[in-house]
Amino acid sequence: MGGGLPAISGNQLIKLLKKDNWVEGRRGKHGITLTKNVDGRVLVTTVPTKDDSLPSGTLSSIIGSQQTRIGKDGLKQLIQTHGLK
């Protein structure tokens, strides 16, 4: 995977987040809202439902400190643990 972000689709990311105990919420026209309670705070993110690779800026925002807080290393760990399907 190297030092950058891996190529991952929105649908693959949704599956990985669900395996990391994120709960699927509302399905909208452009994506699915996922929530997770972390240290008493509810984190919320919306991931586009698409089979194409997410743009790196979109992926960075989703895994960043304002949304899922998993970061690049956390994403790589999820991929290593669960694989991409």
PDB file of N, CA and C in Angstrom:
ATOM      1  N   MET A   1       0.811  -1.206   0.000  1.00  0.00           N
ATOM      2  CA  MET A   1       0.000   0.000   0.000  1.00  0.00           C
ATOM      3  C   MET A   1       0.847   1.260   0.000  1.00  0.00           C
ATOM      4  N   GLY A   2       2.074   1.151   0.402  1.00  0.00           N
ATOM      5  CA  GLY A   2       2.925   2.323   0.385  1.00  0.00           C
ATOM      6  C   GLY A   2       2.563   3.328   1.457  1.00  0.00           C
ATOM      7  N   GLY A   3       3.018   4.591   1.259  1.00  0.00           N
ATOM      8  CA  GLY A   3       2.795   5.608   2.266  1.00  0.00           C
ATOM      9  C   GLY A   3       1.509   6.388   2.093  1.00  0.00           C
ATOM     10  N   GLY A   4       0.926   6.327   0.866  1.00  0.00           N
ATOM     11  CA  GLY A   4      -0.280   7.086   0.606  1.00  0.00           C
ATOM     12  C   GLY A   4      -1.535   6.340   1.003  1.00  0.00           C
ATOM     13  N   LEU A   5      -2.646   6.946   0.646  1.00  0.00           N
ATOM     14  CA  LEU A   5      -3.936   6.315   0.928  1.00  0.00           C
ATOM     15  C   LEU A   5      -4.201   5.202  -0.083  1.00  0.00           C
ATOM     16  N   PRO A   6      -4.801   4.108   0.351  1.00  0.00           N
ATOM     17  CA  PRO A   6      -5.135   3.035  -0.583  1.00  0.00           C
ATOM     18  C   PRO A   6      -6.315   3.427  -1.456  1.00  0.00           C
ATOM     19  N   ALA A   7      -6.397   2.827  -2.637  1.00  0.00           N
ATOM     20  CA  ALA A   7      -7.570   3.021  -3.500  1.00  0.00           C
ATOM     21  C   ALA A   7      -8.690   2.156  -2.941  1.00  0.00           C
ATOM     22  N   ILE A   8      -9.789   2.789  -2.593  1.00  0.00           N
ATOM     23  CA  ILE A   8     -10.905   2.076  -1.989  1.00  0.00           C
ATOM     24  C   ILE A   8     -12.209   2.730  -2.433  1.00  0.00           C
ATOM     25  N   SER A   9     -13.196   1.908  -2.722  1.00  0.00           N
ATOM     26  CA  SER A   9     -14.490   2.446  -3.137  1.00  0.00           C
ATOM     27  C   SER A   9     -15.319   2.802  -1.898  1.00  0.00           C
ATOM     28  N   GLY A  10     -16.349   3.576  -2.132  1.00  0.00           N
ATOM     29  CA  GLY A  10     -17.249   3.918  -1.030  1.00  0.00           C
ATOM     30  C   GLY A  10     -17.903   2.686  -0.437  1.00  0.00           C
ATOM     31  N   ASN A  11     -18.323   1.770  -1.298  1.00  0.00           N
ATOM     32  CA  ASN A  11     -18.976   0.553  -0.809  1.00  0.00           C
ATOM     33  C   ASN A  11     -18.020  -0.319   0.001  1.00  0.00           C
ATOM     34  N   GLN A  12     -16.760  -0.392  -0.410  1.00  0.00           N
ATOM     35  CA  GLN A  12     -15.765  -1.144   0.363  1.00  0.00           C
ATOM     36  C   GLN A  12     -15.537  -0.495   1.721  1.00  0.00           C
ATOM     37  N   LEU A  13     -15.463   0.841   1.742  1.00  0.00           N
ATOM     38  CA  LEU A  13     -15.258   1.556   2.992  1.00  0.00           C
ATOM     39  C   LEU A  13     -16.440   1.352   3.943  1.00  0.00           C
ATOM     40  N   ILE A  14     -17.637   1.360   3.412  1.00  0.00           N
ATOM     41  CA  ILE A  14     -18.833   1.128   4.238  1.00  0.00           C
ATOM     42  C   ILE A  14     -18.745  -0.237   4.903  1.00  0.00           C
ATOM     43  N   LYS A  15     -18.381  -1.269   4.138  1.00  0.00           N
ATOM     44  CA  LYS A  15     -18.256  -2.619   4.694  1.00  0.00           C
ATOM     45  C   LYS A  15     -17.204  -2.667   5.795  1.00  0.00           C
ATOM     46  N   LEU A  16     -16.064  -2.008   5.578  1.00  0.00           N
ATOM     47  CA  LEU A  16     -15.008  -1.993   6.597  1.00  0.00           C
ATOM     48  C   LEU A  16     -15.470  -1.283   7.867  1.00  0.00           C
ATOM     49  N   LEU A  17     -16.137  -0.142   7.713  1.00  0.00           N
ATOM     50  CA  LEU A  17     -16.600   0.605   8.883  1.00  0.00           C
ATOM     51  C   LEU A  17     -17.631  -0.185   9.675  1.00  0.00           C
ATOM     52  N   LYS A  18     -18.508  -0.912   8.984  1.00  0.00           N
ATOM     53  CA  LYS A  18     -19.487  -1.751   9.678  1.00  0.00           C
ATOM     54  C   LYS A  18     -18.775  -2.833  10.494  1.00  0.00           C
ATOM     55  N   LYS A  19     -17.689  -3.378   9.959  1.00  0.00           N
ATOM     56  CA  LYS A  19     -16.918  -4.388  10.697  1.00  0.00           C
ATOM     57  C   LYS A  19     -16.211  -3.771  11.900  1.00  0.00           C
ATOM     58  N   ASP A  20     -16.039  -2.444  11.870  1.00  0.00           N
ATOM     59  CA  ASP A  20     -15.430  -1.708  12.981  1.00  0.00           C
ATOM     60  C   ASP A  20     -16.514  -1.132  13.907  1.00  0.00           C
ATOM     61  N   ASN A  21     -17.693  -1.740  13.875  1.00  0.00           N
ATOM     62  CA  ASN A  21     -18.811  -1.394  14.761  1.00  0.00           C
ATOM     63  C   ASN A  21     -19.493  -0.064  14.461  1.00  0.00           C
ATOM     64  N   TRP A  22     -19.353   0.438  13.249  1.00  0.00           N
ATOM     65  CA  TRP A  22     -20.138   1.595  12.840  1.00  0.00           C
ATOM     66  C   TRP A  22     -21.525   1.096  12.478  1.00  0.00           C
ATOM     67  N   VAL A  23     -22.546   1.877  12.782  1.00  0.00           N
ATOM     68  CA  VAL A  23     -23.932   1.473  12.571  1.00  0.00           C
ATOM     69  C   VAL A  23     -24.507   2.252  11.389  1.00  0.00           C
ATOM     70  N   GLU A  24     -25.073   1.507  10.453  1.00  0.00           N
ATOM     71  CA  GLU A  24     -25.682   2.131   9.286  1.00  0.00           C
ATOM     72  C   GLU A  24     -26.946   2.859   9.691  1.00  0.00           C
ATOM     73  N   GLY A  25     -27.065   4.071   9.199  1.00  0.00           N
ATOM     74  CA  GLY A  25     -28.255   4.867   9.478  1.00  0.00           C
ATOM     75  C   GLY A  25     -29.000   5.159   8.203  1.00  0.00           C
ATOM     76  N   ARG A  26     -29.240   6.390   7.970  1.00  0.00           N
ATOM     77  CA  ARG A  26     -30.029   6.844   6.829  1.00  0.00           C
ATOM     78  C   ARG A  26     -29.291   6.610   5.510  1.00  0.00           C
ATOM     79  N   ARG A  27     -30.051   6.117   4.548  1.00  0.00           N
ATOM     80  CA  ARG A  27     -29.550   5.972   3.182  1.00  0.00           C
ATOM     81  C   ARG A  27     -30.093   7.143   2.373  1.00  0.00           C
ATOM     82  N   GLY A  28     -29.193   7.912   1.821  1.00  0.00           N
ATOM     83  CA  GLY A  28     -29.613   9.040   1.006  1.00  0.00           C
ATOM     84  C   GLY A  28     -29.284   8.808  -0.450  1.00  0.00           C
ATOM     85  N   LYS A  29     -29.546   9.805  -1.241  1.00  0.00           N
ATOM     86  CA  LYS A  29     -29.307   9.709  -2.678  1.00  0.00           C
ATOM     87  C   LYS A  29     -27.816   9.534  -2.985  1.00  0.00           C
ATOM     88  N   HIS A  30     -26.971  10.137  -2.161  1.00  0.00           N
ATOM     89  CA  HIS A  30     -25.547  10.151  -2.471  1.00  0.00           C
ATOM     90  C   HIS A  30     -24.695   9.316  -1.524  1.00  0.00           C
ATOM     91  N   GLY A  31     -25.289   8.707  -0.520  1.00  0.00           N
ATOM     92  CA  GLY A  31     -24.471   7.923   0.395  1.00  0.00           C
ATOM     93  C   GLY A  31     -25.243   7.391   1.583  1.00  0.00           C
ATOM     94  N   ILE A  32     -24.485   6.748   2.457  1.00  0.00           N
ATOM     95  CA  ILE A  32     -25.048   6.160   3.671  1.00  0.00           C
ATOM     96  C   ILE A  32     -24.423   6.847   4.874  1.00  0.00           C
ATOM     97  N   THR A  33     -25.250   7.192   5.837  1.00  0.00           N
ATOM     98  CA  THR A  33     -24.768   7.778   7.080  1.00  0.00           C
ATOM     99  C   THR A  33     -24.436   6.648   8.052  1.00  0.00           C
ATOM    100  N   LEU A  34     -23.263   6.731   8.665  1.00  0.00           N
ATOM    101  CA  LEU A  34     -22.826   5.756   9.652  1.00  0.00           C
ATOM    102  C   LEU A  34     -22.518   6.485  10.950  1.00  0.00           C
ATOM    103  N   THR A  35     -22.836   5.852  12.076  1.00  0.00           N
ATOM    104  CA  THR A  35     -22.565   6.452  13.385  1.00  0.00           C
ATOM    105  C   THR A  35     -21.842   5.454  14.277  1.00  0.00           C
ATOM    106  N   LYS A  36     -21.102   5.999  15.239  1.00  0.00           N
ATOM    107  CA  LYS A  36     -20.406   5.176  16.231  1.00  0.00           C
ATOM    108  C   LYS A  36     -20.213   6.005  17.494  1.00  0.00           C
ATOM    109  N   ASN A  37     -20.454   5.374  18.644  1.00  0.00           N
ATOM    110  CA  ASN A  37     -20.247   6.036  19.921  1.00  0.00           C
ATOM    111  C   ASN A  37     -18.799   5.791  20.357  1.00  0.00           C
ATOM    112  N   VAL A  38     -18.025   6.864  20.480  1.00  0.00           N
ATOM    113  CA  VAL A  38     -16.620   6.769  20.876  1.00  0.00           C
ATOM    114  C   VAL A  38     -16.392   7.688  22.066  1.00  0.00           C
ATOM    115  N   ASP A  39     -16.047   7.100  23.197  1.00  0.00           N
ATOM    116  CA  ASP A  39     -15.774   7.870  24.412  1.00  0.00           C
ATOM    117  C   ASP A  39     -16.921   8.815  24.774  1.00  0.00           C
ATOM    118  N   GLY A  40     -18.153   8.329  24.652  1.00  0.00           N
ATOM    119  CA  GLY A  40     -19.313   9.119  25.020  1.00  0.00           C
ATOM    120  C   GLY A  40     -19.741  10.145  23.987  1.00  0.00           C
ATOM    121  N   ARG A  41     -19.075  10.174  22.859  1.00  0.00           N
ATOM    122  CA  ARG A  41     -19.418  11.117  21.794  1.00  0.00           C
ATOM    123  C   ARG A  41     -19.854  10.325  20.569  1.00  0.00           C
ATOM    124  N   VAL A  42     -20.934  10.744  19.947  1.00  0.00           N
ATOM    125  CA  VAL A  42     -21.420  10.072  18.747  1.00  0.00           C
ATOM    126  C   VAL A  42     -20.746  10.698  17.526  1.00  0.00           C
ATOM    127  N   LEU A  43     -19.989   9.871  16.809  1.00  0.00           N
ATOM    128  CA  LEU A  43     -19.349  10.315  15.579  1.00  0.00           C
ATOM    129  C   LEU A  43     -20.266   9.973  14.415  1.00  0.00           C
ATOM    130  N   VAL A  44     -20.324  10.858  13.440  1.00  0.00           N
ATOM    131  CA  VAL A  44     -21.198  10.665  12.281  1.00  0.00           C
ATOM    132  C   VAL A  44     -20.405  10.941  11.017  1.00  0.00           C
ATOM    133  N   THR A  45     -20.580  10.071  10.029  1.00  0.00           N
ATOM    134  CA  THR A  45     -19.983  10.300   8.719  1.00  0.00           C
ATOM    135  C   THR A  45     -20.945   9.833   7.652  1.00  0.00           C
ATOM    136  N   THR A  46     -20.821  10.391   6.480  1.00  0.00           N
ATOM    137  CA  THR A  46     -21.595   9.933   5.327  1.00  0.00           C
ATOM    138  C   THR A  46     -20.603   9.492   4.266  1.00  0.00           C
ATOM    139  N   VAL A  47     -20.772   8.248   3.808  1.00  0.00           N
ATOM    140  CA  VAL A  47     -19.862   7.673   2.819  1.00  0.00           C
ATOM    141  C   VAL A  47     -20.638   7.502   1.511  1.00  0.00           C
ATOM    142  N   PRO A  48     -20.067   8.013   0.400  1.00  0.00           N
ATOM    143  CA  PRO A  48     -20.734   7.840  -0.899  1.00  0.00           C
ATOM    144  C   PRO A  48     -20.867   6.365  -1.263  1.00  0.00           C
ATOM    145  N   THR A  49     -22.020   5.996  -1.787  1.00  0.00           N
ATOM    146  CA  THR A  49     -22.244   4.619  -2.229  1.00  0.00           C
ATOM    147  C   THR A  49     -21.884   4.533  -3.709  1.00  0.00           C
ATOM    148  N   LYS A  50     -20.622   4.235  -3.953  1.00  0.00           N
ATOM    149  CA  LYS A  50     -20.180   4.096  -5.335  1.00  0.00           C
ATOM    150  C   LYS A  50     -19.127   3.008  -5.405  1.00  0.00           C
ATOM    151  N   ASP A  51     -19.027   2.399  -6.569  1.00  0.00           N
ATOM    152  CA  ASP A  51     -18.065   1.323  -6.765  1.00  0.00           C
ATOM    153  C   ASP A  51     -16.714   1.822  -7.252  1.00  0.00           C
ATOM    154  N   ASP A  52     -16.638   3.064  -7.699  1.00  0.00           N
ATOM    155  CA  ASP A  52     -15.366   3.649  -8.124  1.00  0.00           C
ATOM    156  C   ASP A  52     -14.559   4.051  -6.899  1.00  0.00           C
ATOM    157  N   SER A  53     -13.250   4.137  -7.058  1.00  0.00           N
ATOM    158  CA  SER A  53     -12.390   4.583  -5.953  1.00  0.00           C
ATOM    159  C   SER A  53     -12.780   5.991  -5.528  1.00  0.00           C
ATOM    160  N   LEU A  54     -12.799   6.200  -4.219  1.00  0.00           N
ATOM    161  CA  LEU A  54     -13.089   7.529  -3.691  1.00  0.00           C
ATOM    162  C   LEU A  54     -11.918   8.462  -3.997  1.00  0.00           C
ATOM    163  N   PRO A  55     -12.198   9.722  -4.305  1.00  0.00           N
ATOM    164  CA  PRO A  55     -11.109  10.689  -4.462  1.00  0.00           C
ATOM    165  C   PRO A  55     -10.332  10.783  -3.143  1.00  0.00           C
ATOM    166  N   SER A  56      -9.024  11.005  -3.237  1.00  0.00           N
ATOM    167  CA  SER A  56      -8.190  11.006  -2.028  1.00  0.00           C
ATOM    168  C   SER A  56      -8.635  12.063  -1.024  1.00  0.00           C
ATOM    169  N   GLY A  57      -9.115  13.214  -1.487  1.00  0.00           N
ATOM    170  CA  GLY A  57      -9.583  14.251  -0.571  1.00  0.00           C
ATOM    171  C   GLY A  57     -10.830  13.821   0.190  1.00  0.00           C
ATOM    172  N   THR A  58     -11.730  13.141  -0.494  1.00  0.00           N
ATOM    173  CA  THR A  58     -12.947  12.635   0.146  1.00  0.00           C
ATOM    174  C   THR A  58     -12.589  11.580   1.184  1.00  0.00           C
ATOM    175  N   LEU A  59     -11.720  10.642   0.801  1.00  0.00           N
ATOM    176  CA  LEU A  59     -11.296   9.602   1.726  1.00  0.00           C
ATOM    177  C   LEU A  59     -10.578  10.200   2.933  1.00  0.00           C
ATOM    178  N   SER A  60      -9.716  11.170   2.701  1.00  0.00           N
ATOM    179  CA  SER A  60      -9.004  11.835   3.806  1.00  0.00           C
ATOM    180  C   SER A  60      -9.973  12.494   4.777  1.00  0.00           C
ATOM    181  N   SER A  61     -11.004  13.138   4.241  1.00  0.00           N
ATOM    182  CA  SER A  61     -11.998  13.783   5.104  1.00  0.00           C
ATOM    183  C   SER A  61     -12.760  12.758   5.939  1.00  0.00           C
ATOM    184  N   ILE A  62     -13.142  11.645   5.321  1.00  0.00           N
ATOM    185  CA  ILE A  62     -13.919  10.628   6.029  1.00  0.00           C
ATOM    186  C   ILE A  62     -13.108  10.003   7.156  1.00  0.00           C
ATOM    187  N   ILE A  63     -11.825   9.711   6.917  1.00  0.00           N
ATOM    188  CA  ILE A  63     -11.016   9.043   7.938  1.00  0.00           C
ATOM    189  C   ILE A  63     -10.356  10.026   8.904  1.00  0.00           C
ATOM    190  N   GLY A  64     -10.570  11.318   8.685  1.00  0.00           N
ATOM    191  CA  GLY A  64      -9.937  12.354   9.490  1.00  0.00           C
ATOM    192  C   GLY A  64     -10.568  12.579  10.850  1.00  0.00           C
ATOM    193  N   SER A  65     -10.014  13.548  11.569  1.00  0.00           N
ATOM    194  CA  SER A  65     -10.384  13.802  12.965  1.00  0.00           C
ATOM    195  C   SER A  65     -11.802  14.357  13.144  1.00  0.00           C
ATOM    196  N   GLN A  66     -12.389  14.924  12.117  1.00  0.00           N
ATOM    197  CA  GLN A  66     -13.734  15.475  12.242  1.00  0.00           C
ATOM    198  C   GLN A  66     -14.835  14.452  11.993  1.00  0.00           C
ATOM    199  N   GLN A  67     -14.483  13.312  11.371  1.00  0.00           N
ATOM    200  CA  GLN A  67     -15.514  12.325  11.051  1.00  0.00           C
ATOM    201  C   GLN A  67     -15.252  10.999  11.771  1.00  0.00           C
ATOM    202  N   THR A  68     -14.533  10.061  11.160  1.00  0.00           N
ATOM    203  CA  THR A  68     -14.384   8.741  11.789  1.00  0.00           C
ATOM    204  C   THR A  68     -13.223   8.660  12.774  1.00  0.00           C
ATOM    205  N   ARG A  69     -12.242   9.530  12.620  1.00  0.00           N
ATOM    206  CA  ARG A  69     -11.053   9.551  13.482  1.00  0.00           C
ATOM    207  C   ARG A  69     -10.191   8.293  13.377  1.00  0.00           C
ATOM    208  N   ILE A  70     -10.314   7.521  12.302  1.00  0.00           N
ATOM    209  CA  ILE A  70      -9.483   6.314  12.211  1.00  0.00           C
ATOM    210  C   ILE A  70      -8.118   6.601  11.600  1.00  0.00           C
ATOM    211  N   GLY A  71      -8.006   7.616  10.788  1.00  0.00           N
ATOM    212  CA  GLY A  71      -6.733   7.974  10.203  1.00  0.00           C
ATOM    213  C   GLY A  71      -6.249   6.960   9.171  1.00  0.00           C
ATOM    214  N   LYS A  72      -5.150   7.318   8.518  1.00  0.00           N
ATOM    215  CA  LYS A  72      -4.585   6.473   7.477  1.00  0.00           C
ATOM    216  C   LYS A  72      -4.136   5.124   8.035  1.00  0.00           C
ATOM    217  N   ASP A  73      -3.461   5.143   9.175  1.00  0.00           N
ATOM    218  CA  ASP A  73      -2.983   3.894   9.765  1.00  0.00           C
ATOM    219  C   ASP A  73      -4.144   3.006  10.212  1.00  0.00           C
ATOM    220  N   GLY A  74      -5.202   3.615  10.753  1.00  0.00           N
ATOM    221  CA  GLY A  74      -6.370   2.853  11.164  1.00  0.00           C
ATOM    222  C   GLY A  74      -7.067   2.211   9.977  1.00  0.00           C
ATOM    223  N   LEU A  75      -7.131   2.938   8.866  1.00  0.00           N
ATOM    224  CA  LEU A  75      -7.732   2.392   7.653  1.00  0.00           C
ATOM    225  C   LEU A  75      -6.902   1.215   7.145  1.00  0.00           C
ATOM    226  N   LYS A  76      -5.601   1.384   7.125  1.00  0.00           N
ATOM    227  CA  LYS A  76      -4.729   0.296   6.673  1.00  0.00           C
ATOM    228  C   LYS A  76      -4.873  -0.925   7.576  1.00  0.00           C
ATOM    229  N   GLN A  77      -5.036  -0.703   8.878  1.00  0.00           N
ATOM    230  CA  GLN A  77      -5.215  -1.814   9.816  1.00  0.00           C
ATOM    231  C   GLN A  77      -6.536  -2.531   9.558  1.00  0.00           C
ATOM    232  N   LEU A  78      -7.595  -1.771   9.308  1.00  0.00           N
ATOM    233  CA  LEU A  78      -8.887  -2.392   8.984  1.00  0.00           C
ATOM    234  C   LEU A  78      -8.791  -3.232   7.711  1.00  0.00           C
ATOM    235  N   ILE A  79      -8.095  -2.711   6.713  1.00  0.00           N
ATOM    236  CA  ILE A  79      -7.927  -3.450   5.458  1.00  0.00           C
ATOM    237  C   ILE A  79      -7.121  -4.711   5.693  1.00  0.00           C
ATOM    238  N   GLN A  80      -6.071  -4.589   6.492  1.00  0.00           N
ATOM    239  CA  GLN A  80      -5.228  -5.748   6.790  1.00  0.00           C
ATOM    240  C   GLN A  80      -6.009  -6.810   7.567  1.00  0.00           C
ATOM    241  N   THR A  81      -6.826  -6.389   8.496  1.00  0.00           N
ATOM    242  CA  THR A  81      -7.604  -7.309   9.324  1.00  0.00           C
ATOM    243  C   THR A  81      -8.740  -7.969   8.565  1.00  0.00           C
ATOM    244  N   HIS A  82      -9.490  -7.183   7.804  1.00  0.00           N
ATOM    245  CA  HIS A  82     -10.715  -7.678   7.176  1.00  0.00           C
ATOM    246  C   HIS A  82     -10.614  -7.873   5.666  1.00  0.00           C
ATOM    247  N   GLY A  83      -9.617  -7.265   5.046  1.00  0.00           N
ATOM    248  CA  GLY A  83      -9.483  -7.358   3.598  1.00  0.00           C
ATOM    249  C   GLY A  83     -10.503  -6.476   2.880  1.00  0.00           C
ATOM    250  N   LEU A  84     -10.268  -6.279   1.592  1.00  0.00           N
ATOM    251  CA  LEU A  84     -11.199  -5.498   0.765  1.00  0.00           C
ATOM    252  C   LEU A  84     -12.012  -6.463  -0.082  1.00  0.00           C
ATOM    253  N   LYS A  85     -13.308  -6.339  -0.010  1.00  0.00           N
ATOM    254  CA  LYS A  85     -14.189  -7.218  -0.795  1.00  0.00           C
ATOM    255  C   LYS A  85     -15.181  -6.398  -1.570  1.00  0.00           C
TER     256      LYS A  85
END
